Structure formats: structure tokens, C-alpha cells
Amino acid sequence: MARLVFGMNQSLDGYVDHMAFAPSPALFRHFVTEAEGQTGSIYGRGIYEIMRYWEQDRPEWGVDEQAFAAAWRRQRKWVASRGGVALGPDAEPVTGDLETAIRAIKEGQEGEIEVAGPVFAQSLTALGLIDEYRIYLHPMVLGRGQPYFAGPRPPLRLLSSARMAGDVLRLCYVPV
């Protein structure tokens, strides 16, 4: 059975905003390694549309960007959306009852499946479907953006912590 992991970069004041800060090259390399080991990703519509950036090669990309794109393209992708969304290669819609569909994905796969997007992750949190939360805590205060926890915070237990590139901390939590 697959494990669902929700992990994103976050500011000290709890916000996710991919336009406000980007990972350092060393931290990005960590994300490449993670993507290479993942079975797939489950997205809400908004974050899926952002991630489609990786579908087309760009001349300005370096080795790590090319490696991330290759890993991302290899993965299966599932997209939950109440409205229509154009799906790219290796992507399929999540249809029917959300809980039933996500449980079927978990049961039908092995390994780690990334969950992306705070609002979508909140839906899965409310259903008790996320197995691990990974917060990449950056030493900055944004004062705006999308909160990492878009709804009530679940009771969590710290699984591990690690200092990443620069002053970023990775905090891994599991539901209790």
C-alpha cells in the first residue's frame, strides 16, 4: 500500500507561496532525489496547472531542472478537480467520491505518493488519508500566501527533523 506524503516549503509564519521564495540549488537537488523515488503525485487543479511547467523542456534549465522534469514526467499523476482541467501525459482524473478514489489509489500502488497543494491536502487531512507531513521551514516571514494547513490542524507527532541546505529545517510529522 502506498503512503501519501504532503510536503511543501513554508515560511516561519506558516505560508506556502511558490512565487515568494524558491529552494536553494542544494535543496532543489534534495527535491530531485525525492521525485526520483516517488511513485506518483496527487494534485488539486491549481497546483497541477503550476506543475505542468515541467512538461516542456526549457533551454535555461540546468542539470537538476532536467533531472526533476524527467522524474516528474515518469510519475503517474492523479488530479482532483470539481471543474474541467486539461490533463497532460501520465495524468488521470480522480473521479467519484474523493475518499473512495484516494483509498483505491493508495491500495493499488506501492511506495510514496506526493500530495501537493494546501487546500487539496486539507481535504485529504479531513478524511484521515495523509500518512506524513513534511514541512520545509524557511527562515522568512511572508505575512501572506496560502497557509500550509488550510483548515484545522490535525494532531501530529514529530517523526524527525533535519537541517537542510542553508537554514532550512525539514520537519516530518505523522498523524496521531
N, C-alpha and C. Protein backbone atom coordinates (compact mmCIF):
# COMPACT_ATOMS: atom_id res chain seq x y z
N MET A 1 0.84 -1.18 0.00
CA MET A 1 0.00 0.00 0.00
C MET A 1 0.89 1.24 0.00
N ALA A 2 0.51 2.21 -0.79
CA ALA A 2 1.28 3.46 -0.88
C ALA A 2 1.04 4.33 0.34
N ARG A 3 1.99 5.22 0.56
CA ARG A 3 1.89 6.22 1.63
C ARG A 3 1.71 7.59 0.98
N LEU A 4 0.78 8.39 1.49
CA LEU A 4 0.57 9.75 0.98
C LEU A 4 1.36 10.72 1.85
N VAL A 5 2.19 11.53 1.20
CA VAL A 5 3.04 12.49 1.90
C VAL A 5 2.77 13.89 1.36
N PHE A 6 2.42 14.80 2.26
CA PHE A 6 2.21 16.20 1.91
C PHE A 6 3.42 16.97 2.39
N GLY A 7 4.20 17.49 1.45
CA GLY A 7 5.40 18.25 1.80
C GLY A 7 5.53 19.49 0.95
N MET A 8 5.79 20.62 1.60
CA MET A 8 5.96 21.87 0.86
C MET A 8 6.90 22.80 1.62
N ASN A 9 7.43 23.76 0.89
CA ASN A 9 8.19 24.85 1.50
C ASN A 9 7.22 25.75 2.25
N GLN A 10 7.65 26.21 3.43
CA GLN A 10 6.78 27.04 4.25
C GLN A 10 7.59 28.14 4.92
N SER A 11 6.99 29.29 5.08
CA SER A 11 7.63 30.39 5.80
C SER A 11 7.46 30.18 7.31
N LEU A 12 8.20 30.95 8.09
CA LEU A 12 8.09 30.83 9.55
C LEU A 12 6.69 31.12 10.05
N ASP A 13 5.96 31.98 9.34
CA ASP A 13 4.61 32.31 9.77
C ASP A 13 3.55 31.41 9.12
N GLY A 14 3.99 30.29 8.53
CA GLY A 14 3.06 29.25 8.12
C GLY A 14 2.51 29.32 6.72
N TYR A 15 3.13 30.13 5.84
CA TYR A 15 2.58 30.29 4.50
C TYR A 15 3.38 29.55 3.43
N VAL A 16 2.63 29.12 2.41
CA VAL A 16 3.18 28.50 1.22
C VAL A 16 2.96 29.49 0.08
N ASP A 17 4.02 29.86 -0.61
CA ASP A 17 3.89 30.78 -1.74
C ASP A 17 5.06 30.55 -2.67
N HIS A 18 4.85 29.74 -3.71
CA HIS A 18 5.95 29.36 -4.60
C HIS A 18 6.53 30.54 -5.35
N MET A 19 5.83 31.67 -5.39
CA MET A 19 6.36 32.85 -6.07
C MET A 19 7.21 33.71 -5.12
N ALA A 20 7.05 33.54 -3.82
CA ALA A 20 7.74 34.39 -2.85
C ALA A 20 9.14 33.90 -2.53
N PHE A 21 9.36 32.60 -2.61
CA PHE A 21 10.70 32.07 -2.36
C PHE A 21 10.85 30.73 -3.04
N ALA A 22 12.06 30.47 -3.44
CA ALA A 22 12.36 29.22 -4.13
C ALA A 22 13.45 28.48 -3.35
N PRO A 23 13.53 27.17 -3.51
CA PRO A 23 14.58 26.44 -2.81
C PRO A 23 15.96 26.78 -3.37
N SER A 24 16.95 26.71 -2.52
CA SER A 24 18.33 26.88 -2.96
C SER A 24 18.69 25.74 -3.91
N PRO A 25 19.78 25.85 -4.66
CA PRO A 25 20.17 24.74 -5.54
C PRO A 25 20.36 23.42 -4.78
N ALA A 26 20.93 23.48 -3.58
CA ALA A 26 21.13 22.24 -2.81
C ALA A 26 19.80 21.64 -2.36
N LEU A 27 18.87 22.48 -1.93
CA LEU A 27 17.56 21.98 -1.52
C LEU A 27 16.79 21.47 -2.74
N PHE A 28 16.92 22.15 -3.87
CA PHE A 28 16.26 21.67 -5.08
C PHE A 28 16.77 20.28 -5.45
N ARG A 29 18.07 20.05 -5.28
CA ARG A 29 18.64 18.73 -5.56
C ARG A 29 18.00 17.67 -4.65
N HIS A 30 17.74 18.03 -3.40
CA HIS A 30 17.02 17.13 -2.49
C HIS A 30 15.64 16.78 -3.06
N PHE A 31 14.95 17.78 -3.59
CA PHE A 31 13.62 17.55 -4.18
C PHE A 31 13.71 16.68 -5.43
N VAL A 32 14.80 16.81 -6.19
CA VAL A 32 15.01 15.94 -7.35
C VAL A 32 15.10 14.49 -6.89
N THR A 33 15.91 14.26 -5.86
CA THR A 33 16.08 12.90 -5.33
C THR A 33 14.74 12.35 -4.83
N GLU A 34 13.96 13.17 -4.14
CA GLU A 34 12.65 12.72 -3.68
C GLU A 34 11.75 12.36 -4.86
N ALA A 35 11.71 13.22 -5.87
CA ALA A 35 10.86 12.97 -7.05
C ALA A 35 11.27 11.68 -7.75
N GLU A 36 12.56 11.41 -7.79
CA GLU A 36 13.05 10.19 -8.44
C GLU A 36 12.58 8.93 -7.73
N GLY A 37 12.32 9.05 -6.41
CA GLY A 37 11.89 7.89 -5.64
C GLY A 37 10.39 7.75 -5.47
N GLN A 38 9.64 8.74 -5.92
CA GLN A 38 8.19 8.70 -5.73
C GLN A 38 7.49 7.87 -6.80
N THR A 39 6.40 7.26 -6.39
CA THR A 39 5.56 6.50 -7.30
C THR A 39 4.72 7.44 -8.15
N GLY A 40 4.26 8.52 -7.55
CA GLY A 40 3.40 9.45 -8.28
C GLY A 40 3.04 10.63 -7.42
N SER A 41 2.10 11.42 -7.94
CA SER A 41 1.64 12.63 -7.26
C SER A 41 0.13 12.75 -7.40
N ILE A 42 -0.50 13.26 -6.35
CA ILE A 42 -1.93 13.57 -6.38
C ILE A 42 -2.05 15.07 -6.18
N TYR A 43 -2.75 15.70 -7.10
CA TYR A 43 -2.87 17.15 -7.10
C TYR A 43 -4.32 17.62 -7.09
N GLY A 44 -4.50 18.82 -6.56
CA GLY A 44 -5.70 19.58 -6.85
C GLY A 44 -5.44 20.31 -8.17
N ARG A 45 -6.47 20.87 -8.76
CA ARG A 45 -6.36 21.52 -10.06
C ARG A 45 -5.31 22.62 -10.10
N GLY A 46 -5.32 23.51 -9.12
CA GLY A 46 -4.42 24.66 -9.15
C GLY A 46 -2.95 24.29 -9.16
N ILE A 47 -2.54 23.42 -8.25
CA ILE A 47 -1.12 23.04 -8.19
C ILE A 47 -0.74 22.18 -9.39
N TYR A 48 -1.69 21.40 -9.90
CA TYR A 48 -1.38 20.61 -11.11
C TYR A 48 -1.07 21.55 -12.28
N GLU A 49 -1.85 22.60 -12.42
CA GLU A 49 -1.60 23.54 -13.52
C GLU A 49 -0.24 24.21 -13.36
N ILE A 50 0.17 24.49 -12.14
CA ILE A 50 1.51 25.05 -11.89
C ILE A 50 2.59 24.02 -12.25
N MET A 51 2.38 22.77 -11.85
CA MET A 51 3.39 21.74 -12.08
C MET A 51 3.53 21.34 -13.55
N ARG A 52 2.55 21.65 -14.35
CA ARG A 52 2.64 21.33 -15.78
C ARG A 52 3.79 22.08 -16.45
N TYR A 53 4.36 23.04 -15.75
CA TYR A 53 5.57 23.73 -16.20
C TYR A 53 6.65 22.72 -16.59
N TRP A 54 6.69 21.58 -15.89
CA TRP A 54 7.75 20.59 -16.08
C TRP A 54 7.52 19.68 -17.29
N GLU A 55 6.43 19.86 -18.00
CA GLU A 55 6.15 19.02 -19.17
C GLU A 55 7.02 19.35 -20.38
N GLN A 56 7.42 20.59 -20.52
CA GLN A 56 8.18 21.02 -21.69
C GLN A 56 9.60 21.42 -21.29
N ASP A 57 10.60 20.90 -22.01
CA ASP A 57 11.98 21.28 -21.74
C ASP A 57 12.17 22.77 -22.01
N ARG A 58 13.03 23.38 -21.21
CA ARG A 58 13.32 24.81 -21.35
C ARG A 58 14.83 24.97 -21.54
N PRO A 59 15.24 25.83 -22.45
CA PRO A 59 16.68 25.97 -22.74
C PRO A 59 17.49 26.49 -21.55
N GLU A 60 16.86 27.20 -20.63
CA GLU A 60 17.59 27.76 -19.48
C GLU A 60 17.80 26.76 -18.35
N TRP A 61 17.23 25.57 -18.45
CA TRP A 61 17.37 24.58 -17.39
C TRP A 61 18.77 24.03 -17.30
N GLY A 62 19.20 23.83 -16.06
CA GLY A 62 20.46 23.14 -15.81
C GLY A 62 20.20 21.65 -15.61
N VAL A 63 21.21 20.95 -15.17
CA VAL A 63 21.14 19.51 -15.00
C VAL A 63 20.05 19.12 -13.99
N ASP A 64 19.97 19.83 -12.87
CA ASP A 64 18.98 19.46 -11.84
C ASP A 64 17.56 19.69 -12.32
N GLU A 65 17.31 20.77 -13.02
CA GLU A 65 15.96 21.01 -13.55
C GLU A 65 15.58 19.92 -14.56
N GLN A 66 16.53 19.54 -15.39
CA GLN A 66 16.27 18.47 -16.36
C GLN A 66 15.98 17.14 -15.63
N ALA A 67 16.73 16.88 -14.57
CA ALA A 67 16.52 15.65 -13.81
C ALA A 67 15.16 15.65 -13.11
N PHE A 68 14.77 16.80 -12.55
CA PHE A 68 13.47 16.88 -11.90
C PHE A 68 12.36 16.67 -12.92
N ALA A 69 12.48 17.34 -14.06
CA ALA A 69 11.45 17.20 -15.11
C ALA A 69 11.33 15.74 -15.54
N ALA A 70 12.45 15.07 -15.73
CA ALA A 70 12.42 13.66 -16.14
C ALA A 70 11.73 12.80 -15.09
N ALA A 71 12.04 13.03 -13.82
CA ALA A 71 11.43 12.25 -12.74
C ALA A 71 9.93 12.55 -12.67
N TRP A 72 9.56 13.80 -12.80
CA TRP A 72 8.15 14.19 -12.72
C TRP A 72 7.37 13.61 -13.89
N ARG A 73 7.93 13.63 -15.05
CA ARG A 73 7.24 13.09 -16.23
C ARG A 73 7.04 11.58 -16.13
N ARG A 74 7.96 10.90 -15.48
CA ARG A 74 7.89 9.45 -15.33
C ARG A 74 6.77 9.02 -14.40
N GLN A 75 6.45 9.86 -13.44
CA GLN A 75 5.46 9.51 -12.42
C GLN A 75 4.04 9.48 -12.96
N ARG A 76 3.22 8.67 -12.31
CA ARG A 76 1.78 8.77 -12.53
C ARG A 76 1.28 10.00 -11.79
N LYS A 77 0.24 10.60 -12.32
CA LYS A 77 -0.35 11.78 -11.70
C LYS A 77 -1.86 11.59 -11.65
N TRP A 78 -2.43 11.94 -10.52
CA TRP A 78 -3.88 11.93 -10.36
C TRP A 78 -4.29 13.35 -10.01
N VAL A 79 -5.37 13.83 -10.63
CA VAL A 79 -5.79 15.21 -10.45
C VAL A 79 -7.25 15.24 -10.00
N ALA A 80 -7.48 15.85 -8.83
CA ALA A 80 -8.83 16.03 -8.31
C ALA A 80 -9.28 17.45 -8.63
N SER A 81 -10.41 17.55 -9.31
CA SER A 81 -10.91 18.87 -9.69
C SER A 81 -12.42 18.79 -9.82
N ARG A 82 -13.10 19.80 -9.28
CA ARG A 82 -14.55 19.86 -9.42
C ARG A 82 -14.94 20.40 -10.79
N GLY A 83 -14.02 21.11 -11.42
CA GLY A 83 -14.26 21.65 -12.76
C GLY A 83 -13.38 20.93 -13.75
N GLY A 84 -13.51 21.29 -14.99
CA GLY A 84 -12.68 20.65 -16.01
C GLY A 84 -11.24 21.14 -15.94
N VAL A 85 -10.34 20.25 -16.22
CA VAL A 85 -8.92 20.61 -16.29
C VAL A 85 -8.31 19.77 -17.40
N ALA A 86 -7.50 20.42 -18.23
CA ALA A 86 -6.81 19.69 -19.30
C ALA A 86 -5.69 18.88 -18.67
N LEU A 87 -5.67 17.59 -18.96
CA LEU A 87 -4.67 16.72 -18.37
C LEU A 87 -3.57 16.42 -19.37
N GLY A 88 -2.35 16.42 -18.89
CA GLY A 88 -1.20 16.10 -19.71
C GLY A 88 -0.91 14.61 -19.69
N PRO A 89 0.25 14.24 -20.23
CA PRO A 89 0.63 12.82 -20.27
C PRO A 89 0.75 12.24 -18.85
N ASP A 90 0.40 10.99 -18.74
CA ASP A 90 0.50 10.25 -17.47
C ASP A 90 -0.34 10.83 -16.35
N ALA A 91 -1.37 11.60 -16.69
CA ALA A 91 -2.27 12.15 -15.67
C ALA A 91 -3.67 11.61 -15.91
N GLU A 92 -4.35 11.36 -14.81
CA GLU A 92 -5.73 10.89 -14.92
C GLU A 92 -6.56 11.58 -13.86
N PRO A 93 -7.84 11.76 -14.14
CA PRO A 93 -8.69 12.45 -13.16
C PRO A 93 -9.05 11.54 -11.99
N VAL A 94 -9.23 12.15 -10.84
CA VAL A 94 -9.79 11.46 -9.68
C VAL A 94 -11.30 11.62 -9.82
N THR A 95 -12.00 10.53 -9.98
CA THR A 95 -13.44 10.60 -10.23
C THR A 95 -14.22 9.94 -9.09
N GLY A 96 -15.48 10.32 -9.01
CA GLY A 96 -16.36 9.76 -7.99
C GLY A 96 -16.08 10.35 -6.63
N ASP A 97 -16.46 9.61 -5.62
CA ASP A 97 -16.27 10.02 -4.23
C ASP A 97 -14.78 10.15 -3.93
N LEU A 98 -14.35 11.31 -3.43
CA LEU A 98 -12.92 11.57 -3.20
C LEU A 98 -12.30 10.54 -2.28
N GLU A 99 -12.91 10.26 -1.15
CA GLU A 99 -12.31 9.32 -0.20
C GLU A 99 -12.16 7.93 -0.81
N THR A 100 -13.18 7.46 -1.48
CA THR A 100 -13.13 6.14 -2.10
C THR A 100 -12.04 6.09 -3.17
N ALA A 101 -11.97 7.14 -3.99
CA ALA A 101 -10.98 7.18 -5.07
C ALA A 101 -9.56 7.21 -4.53
N ILE A 102 -9.30 8.02 -3.53
CA ILE A 102 -7.94 8.14 -2.98
C ILE A 102 -7.55 6.85 -2.26
N ARG A 103 -8.47 6.25 -1.53
CA ARG A 103 -8.17 4.97 -0.89
C ARG A 103 -7.83 3.91 -1.94
N ALA A 104 -8.52 3.90 -3.06
CA ALA A 104 -8.23 2.94 -4.12
C ALA A 104 -6.85 3.19 -4.72
N ILE A 105 -6.47 4.45 -4.88
CA ILE A 105 -5.13 4.77 -5.38
C ILE A 105 -4.08 4.25 -4.40
N LYS A 106 -4.26 4.53 -3.11
CA LYS A 106 -3.31 4.07 -2.09
C LYS A 106 -3.19 2.55 -2.10
N GLU A 107 -4.31 1.87 -2.18
CA GLU A 107 -4.31 0.41 -2.13
C GLU A 107 -3.74 -0.21 -3.41
N GLY A 108 -3.84 0.49 -4.51
CA GLY A 108 -3.38 -0.06 -5.78
C GLY A 108 -1.94 0.25 -6.13
N GLN A 109 -1.25 1.00 -5.27
CA GLN A 109 0.13 1.41 -5.54
C GLN A 109 1.03 1.02 -4.38
N GLU A 110 2.32 1.03 -4.67
CA GLU A 110 3.35 0.84 -3.64
C GLU A 110 4.21 2.09 -3.62
N GLY A 111 4.88 2.33 -2.50
CA GLY A 111 5.82 3.44 -2.41
C GLY A 111 5.18 4.70 -1.89
N GLU A 112 5.79 5.81 -2.26
CA GLU A 112 5.38 7.11 -1.75
C GLU A 112 4.69 7.91 -2.85
N ILE A 113 3.56 8.49 -2.50
CA ILE A 113 2.84 9.36 -3.42
C ILE A 113 2.78 10.74 -2.79
N GLU A 114 3.26 11.71 -3.54
CA GLU A 114 3.24 13.10 -3.09
C GLU A 114 1.83 13.65 -3.19
N VAL A 115 1.43 14.41 -2.18
CA VAL A 115 0.20 15.20 -2.21
C VAL A 115 0.65 16.64 -2.28
N ALA A 116 0.09 17.41 -3.20
CA ALA A 116 0.54 18.79 -3.34
C ALA A 116 -0.65 19.74 -3.34
N GLY A 117 -0.42 20.89 -2.75
CA GLY A 117 -1.44 21.93 -2.66
C GLY A 117 -2.12 21.93 -1.31
N PRO A 118 -1.99 23.03 -0.55
CA PRO A 118 -2.54 23.06 0.81
C PRO A 118 -4.06 22.89 0.88
N VAL A 119 -4.80 23.46 -0.05
CA VAL A 119 -6.25 23.33 0.01
C VAL A 119 -6.67 21.89 -0.26
N PHE A 120 -6.08 21.29 -1.28
CA PHE A 120 -6.37 19.89 -1.58
C PHE A 120 -5.91 18.99 -0.44
N ALA A 121 -4.72 19.25 0.10
CA ALA A 121 -4.21 18.43 1.21
C ALA A 121 -5.16 18.51 2.40
N GLN A 122 -5.78 19.66 2.61
CA GLN A 122 -6.72 19.78 3.73
C GLN A 122 -7.90 18.84 3.55
N SER A 123 -8.35 18.68 2.32
CA SER A 123 -9.46 17.74 2.05
C SER A 123 -9.05 16.32 2.45
N LEU A 124 -7.81 15.95 2.12
CA LEU A 124 -7.33 14.60 2.46
C LEU A 124 -7.03 14.47 3.95
N THR A 125 -6.59 15.56 4.57
CA THR A 125 -6.37 15.57 6.02
C THR A 125 -7.68 15.31 6.74
N ALA A 126 -8.74 16.00 6.32
CA ALA A 126 -10.04 15.84 6.96
C ALA A 126 -10.55 14.40 6.84
N LEU A 127 -10.13 13.70 5.78
CA LEU A 127 -10.54 12.31 5.58
C LEU A 127 -9.58 11.31 6.23
N GLY A 128 -8.51 11.81 6.86
CA GLY A 128 -7.53 10.95 7.52
C GLY A 128 -6.68 10.15 6.55
N LEU A 129 -6.41 10.70 5.37
CA LEU A 129 -5.70 9.94 4.34
C LEU A 129 -4.22 10.26 4.20
N ILE A 130 -3.75 11.35 4.80
CA ILE A 130 -2.34 11.70 4.67
C ILE A 130 -1.55 10.96 5.75
N ASP A 131 -0.48 10.30 5.30
CA ASP A 131 0.33 9.50 6.21
C ASP A 131 1.49 10.27 6.82
N GLU A 132 1.95 11.32 6.14
CA GLU A 132 3.09 12.09 6.66
C GLU A 132 3.02 13.51 6.12
N TYR A 133 3.44 14.44 6.98
CA TYR A 133 3.53 15.86 6.61
C TYR A 133 5.00 16.25 6.68
N ARG A 134 5.52 16.84 5.60
CA ARG A 134 6.90 17.31 5.58
C ARG A 134 6.89 18.83 5.36
N ILE A 135 7.32 19.51 6.37
CA ILE A 135 7.40 20.97 6.31
C ILE A 135 8.86 21.34 6.10
N TYR A 136 9.12 22.05 5.03
CA TYR A 136 10.45 22.59 4.76
C TYR A 136 10.39 24.05 5.20
N LEU A 137 10.83 24.29 6.43
CA LEU A 137 10.66 25.58 7.09
C LEU A 137 11.80 26.53 6.71
N HIS A 138 11.42 27.61 6.02
CA HIS A 138 12.39 28.61 5.57
C HIS A 138 12.41 29.78 6.55
N PRO A 139 13.60 30.35 6.82
CA PRO A 139 13.72 31.44 7.80
C PRO A 139 13.29 32.79 7.22
N MET A 140 12.02 32.91 6.91
CA MET A 140 11.48 34.17 6.42
C MET A 140 10.03 34.29 6.86
N VAL A 141 9.57 35.53 6.94
CA VAL A 141 8.19 35.82 7.30
C VAL A 141 7.55 36.47 6.08
N LEU A 142 6.48 35.86 5.59
CA LEU A 142 5.81 36.38 4.39
C LEU A 142 4.62 37.29 4.72
N GLY A 143 3.86 36.92 5.74
CA GLY A 143 2.69 37.71 6.08
C GLY A 143 1.53 37.54 5.11
N ARG A 144 1.68 36.63 4.15
CA ARG A 144 0.63 36.40 3.16
C ARG A 144 0.90 35.09 2.44
N GLY A 145 -0.05 34.68 1.67
CA GLY A 145 0.07 33.44 0.92
C GLY A 145 -0.97 32.45 1.36
N GLN A 146 -0.83 31.23 0.93
CA GLN A 146 -1.74 30.16 1.31
C GLN A 146 -1.18 29.48 2.56
N PRO A 147 -1.96 29.33 3.62
CA PRO A 147 -1.45 28.63 4.79
C PRO A 147 -1.13 27.17 4.46
N TYR A 148 -0.05 26.65 5.04
CA TYR A 148 0.30 25.24 4.85
C TYR A 148 -0.87 24.36 5.29
N PHE A 149 -1.43 24.65 6.45
CA PHE A 149 -2.63 23.96 6.92
C PHE A 149 -3.81 24.87 6.58
N ALA A 150 -4.57 24.50 5.56
CA ALA A 150 -5.65 25.34 5.07
C ALA A 150 -6.93 25.19 5.89
N GLY A 151 -6.90 24.39 6.91
CA GLY A 151 -8.06 24.18 7.77
C GLY A 151 -7.57 23.80 9.15
N PRO A 152 -8.42 23.15 9.92
CA PRO A 152 -8.00 22.73 11.26
C PRO A 152 -6.74 21.87 11.20
N ARG A 153 -5.84 22.13 12.13
CA ARG A 153 -4.60 21.37 12.17
C ARG A 153 -4.85 20.01 12.82
N PRO A 154 -4.38 18.97 12.17
CA PRO A 154 -4.57 17.64 12.76
C PRO A 154 -3.61 17.43 13.93
N PRO A 155 -3.96 16.56 14.87
CA PRO A 155 -2.99 16.22 15.92
C PRO A 155 -1.83 15.45 15.28
N LEU A 156 -0.63 15.92 15.54
CA LEU A 156 0.55 15.35 14.90
C LEU A 156 1.61 15.00 15.93
N ARG A 157 2.48 14.06 15.55
CA ARG A 157 3.65 13.69 16.35
C ARG A 157 4.88 13.88 15.48
N LEU A 158 5.89 14.52 16.04
CA LEU A 158 7.14 14.73 15.31
C LEU A 158 7.82 13.40 15.07
N LEU A 159 8.09 13.10 13.82
CA LEU A 159 8.77 11.87 13.43
C LEU A 159 10.27 12.10 13.34
N SER A 160 10.66 13.21 12.69
CA SER A 160 12.08 13.53 12.56
C SER A 160 12.25 14.99 12.18
N SER A 161 13.47 15.46 12.34
CA SER A 161 13.83 16.80 11.90
C SER A 161 15.25 16.75 11.36
N ALA A 162 15.52 17.61 10.41
CA ALA A 162 16.86 17.65 9.83
C ALA A 162 17.13 19.05 9.29
N ARG A 163 18.36 19.47 9.46
CA ARG A 163 18.76 20.73 8.85
C ARG A 163 19.09 20.44 7.39
N MET A 164 18.47 21.19 6.52
CA MET A 164 18.68 21.02 5.09
C MET A 164 19.66 22.09 4.62
N ALA A 165 19.69 22.33 3.35
CA ALA A 165 20.58 23.33 2.78
C ALA A 165 20.33 24.70 3.41
N GLY A 166 21.41 25.38 3.74
CA GLY A 166 21.27 26.70 4.35
C GLY A 166 20.62 26.60 5.71
N ASP A 167 19.63 27.46 5.93
CA ASP A 167 18.95 27.49 7.22
C ASP A 167 17.56 26.87 7.17
N VAL A 168 17.31 26.00 6.22
CA VAL A 168 16.01 25.36 6.09
C VAL A 168 15.98 24.10 6.96
N LEU A 169 14.88 23.95 7.69
CA LEU A 169 14.66 22.75 8.50
C LEU A 169 13.57 21.91 7.86
N ARG A 170 13.79 20.60 7.81
CA ARG A 170 12.73 19.68 7.38
C ARG A 170 12.16 19.05 8.63
N LEU A 171 10.87 19.24 8.83
CA LEU A 171 10.15 18.69 9.97
C LEU A 171 9.17 17.66 9.43
N CYS A 172 9.29 16.43 9.87
CA CYS A 172 8.41 15.35 9.42
C CYS A 172 7.48 14.96 10.56
N TYR A 173 6.18 15.00 10.29
CA TYR A 173 5.17 14.68 11.28
C TYR A 173 4.27 13.57 10.77
N VAL A 174 3.72 12.78 11.68
CA VAL A 174 2.73 11.76 11.35
C VAL A 174 1.49 12.04 12.19
N PRO A 175 0.33 11.72 11.66
CA PRO A 175 -0.89 11.88 12.45
C PRO A 175 -0.89 10.96 13.66
N VAL A 176 -1.50 11.41 14.75
CA VAL A 176 -1.62 10.56 15.94
C VAL A 176 -3.04 10.04 16.06
